[in-house]
Amino acid sequence: MPAYSPDLNAIETSWGKVKTILRAAQTRTHDALLAAIAKTLGWSPPKMPKVGEPPVAIVQIMTR
């Protein structure tokens, strides 16, 4: 495994989801952006993998 692989890093995947949600919010003011960030960071989908569960990509790579 490479020293740094963002595709296999759970935090990179999580930040990617946060950025996608914030872009979709299309805020136009600083206050609206801060409110969207607070709302987004408090959100997690019900099927989000737990910290101990490896993402499917990791399992697929490990079983090659």
C-alpha atoms as a PDB file:
ATOM      1  CA  MET A   1       0.000   0.000   0.000  1.00  0.00           C
ATOM      2  CA  PRO A   2       1.345   3.457  -0.826  1.00  0.00           C
ATOM      3  CA  ALA A   3       2.474   5.714   1.994  1.00  0.00           C
ATOM      4  CA  TYR A   4      -0.505   7.988   1.340  1.00  0.00           C
ATOM      5  CA  SER A   5      -3.588   6.760  -0.416  1.00  0.00           C
ATOM      6  CA  PRO A   6      -6.559   9.158  -0.098  1.00  0.00           C
ATOM      7  CA  ASP A   7      -8.916   6.580  -1.640  1.00  0.00           C
ATOM      8  CA  LEU A   8      -8.283   4.282   1.318  1.00  0.00           C
ATOM      9  CA  ASN A   9      -8.278   6.950   4.026  1.00  0.00           C
ATOM     10  CA  ALA A  10     -11.616   7.129   5.858  1.00  0.00           C
ATOM     11  CA  ILE A  11     -11.165  10.776   6.887  1.00  0.00           C
ATOM     12  CA  GLU A  12     -10.573  11.819   3.262  1.00  0.00           C
ATOM     13  CA  THR A  13     -13.796  10.056   2.266  1.00  0.00           C
ATOM     14  CA  SER A  14     -15.673  11.819   5.072  1.00  0.00           C
ATOM     15  CA  TRP A  15     -14.318  15.257   4.133  1.00  0.00           C
ATOM     16  CA  GLY A  16     -15.284  14.560   0.530  1.00  0.00           C
ATOM     17  CA  LYS A  17     -18.887  14.012   1.617  1.00  0.00           C
ATOM     18  CA  VAL A  18     -18.824  17.203   3.718  1.00  0.00           C
ATOM     19  CA  LYS A  19     -17.500  19.246   0.771  1.00  0.00           C
ATOM     20  CA  THR A  20     -20.150  17.801  -1.549  1.00  0.00           C
ATOM     21  CA  ILE A  21     -22.935  18.757   0.871  1.00  0.00           C
ATOM     22  CA  LEU A  22     -21.512  22.275   1.362  1.00  0.00           C
ATOM     23  CA  ARG A  23     -21.251  22.864  -2.387  1.00  0.00           C
ATOM     24  CA  ALA A  24     -24.876  21.785  -2.788  1.00  0.00           C
ATOM     25  CA  ALA A  25     -25.925  24.297  -0.082  1.00  0.00           C
ATOM     26  CA  GLN A  26     -24.733  27.155  -2.360  1.00  0.00           C
ATOM     27  CA  THR A  27     -24.311  29.631   0.479  1.00  0.00           C
ATOM     28  CA  ARG A  28     -23.665  33.253  -0.454  1.00  0.00           C
ATOM     29  CA  THR A  29     -22.732  34.816   2.889  1.00  0.00           C
ATOM     30  CA  HIS A  30     -20.196  34.037   5.590  1.00  0.00           C
ATOM     31  CA  ASP A  31     -22.929  33.500   8.195  1.00  0.00           C
ATOM     32  CA  ALA A  32     -24.834  31.138   5.895  1.00  0.00           C
ATOM     33  CA  LEU A  33     -21.633  29.188   5.251  1.00  0.00           C
ATOM     34  CA  LEU A  34     -20.939  28.844   8.980  1.00  0.00           C
ATOM     35  CA  ALA A  35     -24.506  27.637   9.567  1.00  0.00           C
ATOM     36  CA  ALA A  36     -24.177  25.101   6.734  1.00  0.00           C
ATOM     37  CA  ILE A  37     -20.863  23.846   8.142  1.00  0.00           C
ATOM     38  CA  ALA A  38     -22.373  23.404  11.609  1.00  0.00           C
ATOM     39  CA  LYS A  39     -25.359  21.560  10.156  1.00  0.00           C
ATOM     40  CA  THR A  40     -23.179  19.374   7.914  1.00  0.00           C
ATOM     41  CA  LEU A  41     -20.740  18.365  10.651  1.00  0.00           C
ATOM     42  CA  GLY A  42     -23.656  17.272  12.822  1.00  0.00           C
ATOM     43  CA  TRP A  43     -25.028  15.084  10.040  1.00  0.00           C
ATOM     44  CA  SER A  44     -24.115  11.495   9.286  1.00  0.00           C
ATOM     45  CA  PRO A  45     -26.053   9.091   7.113  1.00  0.00           C
ATOM     46  CA  PRO A  46     -27.483   6.006   8.830  1.00  0.00           C
ATOM     47  CA  LYS A  47     -25.399   3.655   6.685  1.00  0.00           C
ATOM     48  CA  MET A  48     -22.081   5.461   7.163  1.00  0.00           C
ATOM     49  CA  PRO A  49     -19.426   2.836   7.994  1.00  0.00           C
ATOM     50  CA  LYS A  50     -18.303   2.719  11.592  1.00  0.00           C
ATOM     51  CA  VAL A  51     -14.666   3.510  12.344  1.00  0.00           C
ATOM     52  CA  GLY A  52     -13.811  -0.168  12.815  1.00  0.00           C
ATOM     53  CA  GLU A  53     -15.354  -1.265   9.509  1.00  0.00           C
ATOM     54  CA  PRO A  54     -12.979  -1.025   6.543  1.00  0.00           C
ATOM     55  CA  PRO A  55     -14.416   0.551   3.415  1.00  0.00           C
ATOM     56  CA  VAL A  56     -15.214  -1.849   0.586  1.00  0.00           C
ATOM     57  CA  ALA A  57     -12.246  -0.536  -1.416  1.00  0.00           C
ATOM     58  CA  ILE A  58      -9.809  -1.633   1.294  1.00  0.00           C
ATOM     59  CA  VAL A  59     -11.344  -5.102   1.522  1.00  0.00           C
ATOM     60  CA  GLN A  60     -11.190  -5.479  -2.259  1.00  0.00           C
ATOM     61  CA  ILE A  61      -7.528  -4.476  -2.354  1.00  0.00           C
ATOM     62  CA  MET A  62      -6.616  -6.768   0.530  1.00  0.00           C
ATOM     63  CA  THR A  63      -8.251  -9.774  -1.132  1.00  0.00           C
ATOM     64  CA  ARG A  64      -6.447  -9.384  -4.473  1.00  0.00           C
END
